């Protein structure tokens, strides 16, 4: 099963991320996929805001992984934001120890997640971004972690 949401602007993509945070639970891994400029970091910034991150969230393209403290009542105390765009092989992804980011009280967002998907196995949520001819974004959510979250994801698509 999949859920889709259309975002006409970058601000819409940011808001979609903020509202997507309501779907998340401690220990979740979310893989963000899509072409360069599709809105992955903008979405991640919204998720961070929705989880109560107060500091500025930027793309971790050069640092690969950034950790942010979260302030919320949902049991999520950390956001691990990774970007594996510059990784050359699966071995390099393994060397980053991304699998160890998954903690009981944390959420991991991985940009260019298709590169790292085999590290996490099936227990992930995928958010795929595509750009249309009007520069809008279509976001599609799939993955094993969506099981049991139909009502939250239905609400997210209806925003």
Protein backbone atom coordinates (compact mmCIF):
# COMPACT_ATOMS: atom_id res chain seq x y z
CA UNK A 1 0.00 0.00 0.00
CA UNK A 2 1.17 3.55 -0.60
CA UNK A 3 0.16 7.10 0.28
CA UNK A 4 0.68 10.14 -1.91
CA UNK A 5 0.76 13.85 -1.20
CA UNK A 6 1.29 16.64 -3.68
CA UNK A 7 3.32 19.72 -2.74
CA UNK A 8 3.10 22.67 -5.12
CA UNK A 9 5.86 24.67 -3.42
CA UNK A 10 8.92 24.24 -1.25
CA UNK A 11 6.93 25.59 1.69
CA UNK A 12 4.29 22.91 1.06
CA UNK A 13 7.06 20.29 1.12
CA UNK A 14 8.33 21.69 4.41
CA UNK A 15 4.83 21.61 5.92
CA UNK A 16 4.34 18.05 4.62
CA UNK A 17 7.48 17.07 6.53
CA UNK A 18 6.30 18.76 9.70
CA UNK A 19 2.96 16.96 9.50
CA UNK A 20 4.70 13.67 8.61
CA UNK A 21 6.44 13.84 12.00
CA UNK A 22 3.06 12.92 13.54
CA UNK A 23 3.29 9.54 11.80
CA UNK A 24 6.68 8.72 13.32
CA UNK A 25 7.49 6.56 16.33
CA UNK A 26 10.71 6.02 18.25
CA UNK A 27 13.07 3.69 16.40
CA UNK A 28 11.75 4.52 12.91
CA UNK A 29 14.00 4.70 9.86
CA UNK A 30 12.80 6.81 6.94
CA UNK A 31 14.59 6.59 3.59
CA UNK A 32 14.18 9.66 1.37
CA UNK A 33 14.70 9.10 -2.36
CA UNK A 34 14.45 11.28 -5.43
CA UNK A 35 16.52 13.26 -7.87
CA UNK A 36 18.77 16.12 -6.87
CA UNK A 37 16.65 19.14 -5.92
CA UNK A 38 13.48 17.11 -5.35
CA UNK A 39 12.93 18.47 -1.83
CA UNK A 40 14.43 15.81 0.45
CA UNK A 41 16.25 18.29 2.69
CA UNK A 42 13.27 20.66 2.74
CA UNK A 43 11.07 17.76 3.86
CA UNK A 44 13.67 16.72 6.48
CA UNK A 45 13.67 20.28 7.86
CA UNK A 46 9.91 20.06 8.27
CA UNK A 47 10.16 16.69 10.01
CA UNK A 48 12.75 18.17 12.35
CA UNK A 49 10.46 21.09 13.20
CA UNK A 50 7.59 18.64 13.77
CA UNK A 51 9.76 16.66 16.20
CA UNK A 52 10.71 19.79 18.12
CA UNK A 53 14.23 20.39 16.82
CA UNK A 54 15.03 24.01 17.62
CA UNK A 55 18.40 24.36 15.89
CA UNK A 56 18.89 24.98 12.18
CA UNK A 57 18.75 21.82 10.08
CA UNK A 58 20.88 21.76 6.95
CA UNK A 59 21.82 19.03 4.52
CA UNK A 60 24.53 16.81 5.97
CA UNK A 61 26.00 16.20 2.50
CA UNK A 62 29.59 16.77 3.59
CA UNK A 63 29.39 15.59 7.20
CA UNK A 64 27.23 12.59 6.18
CA UNK A 65 25.32 12.44 9.51
CA UNK A 66 24.03 15.08 11.91
CA UNK A 67 22.31 14.47 15.21
CA UNK A 68 19.63 16.81 16.54
CA UNK A 69 17.97 16.86 19.95
CA UNK A 70 14.17 16.73 19.80
CA UNK A 71 11.71 18.27 22.24
CA UNK A 72 8.31 16.55 22.02
CA UNK A 73 5.93 14.41 24.01
CA UNK A 74 6.14 11.45 21.60
CA UNK A 75 9.17 9.70 23.10
CA UNK A 76 11.49 10.75 20.26
CA UNK A 77 14.54 12.43 21.78
CA UNK A 78 16.94 12.43 18.79
CA UNK A 79 16.79 12.89 15.06
CA UNK A 80 19.65 11.40 13.08
CA UNK A 81 19.75 13.09 9.67
CA UNK A 82 22.03 11.39 7.14
CA UNK A 83 22.86 12.14 3.53
CA UNK A 84 24.68 9.44 1.59
CA UNK A 85 24.80 11.26 -1.76
CA UNK A 86 28.60 11.36 -1.78
CA UNK A 87 29.02 7.73 -0.77
CA UNK A 88 30.64 5.69 -3.52
CA UNK A 89 29.68 2.15 -2.50
CA UNK A 90 27.62 0.06 -0.14
CA UNK A 91 30.82 -0.68 1.80
CA UNK A 92 31.14 3.04 2.55
CA UNK A 93 27.54 3.10 3.77
CA UNK A 94 28.31 0.17 6.07
CA UNK A 95 31.42 2.01 7.33
CA UNK A 96 29.18 4.94 8.34
CA UNK A 97 27.41 2.54 10.76
CA UNK A 98 24.02 3.94 9.77
CA UNK A 99 22.36 0.83 11.14
CA UNK A 100 23.54 1.83 14.60
CA UNK A 101 21.63 5.12 14.36
CA UNK A 102 18.42 3.29 15.07
CA UNK A 103 17.78 3.66 18.77
CA UNK A 104 14.72 3.15 20.89
CA UNK A 105 14.22 6.90 21.36
CA UNK A 106 15.49 8.16 18.01
CA UNK A 107 14.33 8.54 14.42
CA UNK A 108 16.70 8.27 11.46
CA UNK A 109 16.10 10.16 8.19
CA UNK A 110 18.42 9.11 5.37
CA UNK A 111 18.58 11.21 2.20
CA UNK A 112 19.44 9.21 -0.93
CA UNK A 113 18.03 6.30 1.04
CA UNK A 114 17.94 3.95 -1.94
CA UNK A 115 21.73 3.71 -1.59
CA UNK A 116 21.47 2.64 2.06
CA UNK A 117 18.30 0.53 1.92
CA UNK A 118 20.06 -2.83 2.22
CA UNK A 119 21.72 -1.70 5.48
CA UNK A 120 18.33 -1.31 7.20
CA UNK A 121 16.38 -4.22 5.72
CA UNK A 122 12.63 -4.13 5.28
CA UNK A 123 11.64 -2.35 8.50
CA UNK A 124 11.69 1.14 7.02
CA UNK A 125 9.43 3.77 5.55
CA UNK A 126 10.29 5.06 2.11
CA UNK A 127 9.39 8.54 0.93
CA UNK A 128 9.97 8.92 -2.79
CA UNK A 129 10.02 12.42 -4.30
CA UNK A 130 9.28 13.20 -7.93
CA UNK A 131 9.12 16.58 -9.66
CA UNK A 132 6.39 17.37 -12.18
CA UNK A 133 6.40 19.76 -15.13
CA UNK A 134 5.14 22.61 -12.88
CA UNK A 135 8.03 22.12 -10.41
CA UNK A 136 5.65 20.62 -7.84
CA UNK A 137 6.59 17.56 -5.83
CA UNK A 138 4.72 14.29 -5.50
CA UNK A 139 5.63 12.41 -2.34
CA UNK A 140 4.87 8.71 -2.11
CA UNK A 141 5.17 6.80 1.17
CA UNK A 142 5.63 3.03 1.19
CA UNK A 143 7.37 0.39 3.28
CA UNK A 144 6.87 -2.14 6.04
CA UNK A 145 6.79 0.52 8.78
CA UNK A 146 3.55 1.89 7.33
CA UNK A 147 1.72 -1.20 8.65
CA UNK A 148 -0.64 -0.16 11.41
CA UNK A 149 -0.35 3.54 10.60
CA UNK A 150 -3.08 3.79 8.00
CA UNK A 151 -5.13 6.38 9.87
CA UNK A 152 -2.10 8.63 10.49
CA UNK A 153 -0.98 8.35 6.87
CA UNK A 154 -4.52 8.89 5.57
CA UNK A 155 -4.70 12.09 7.63
CA UNK A 156 -1.29 13.16 6.29
CA UNK A 157 -2.39 12.75 2.65
CA UNK A 158 -5.57 14.74 3.26
CA UNK A 159 -3.76 17.87 4.45
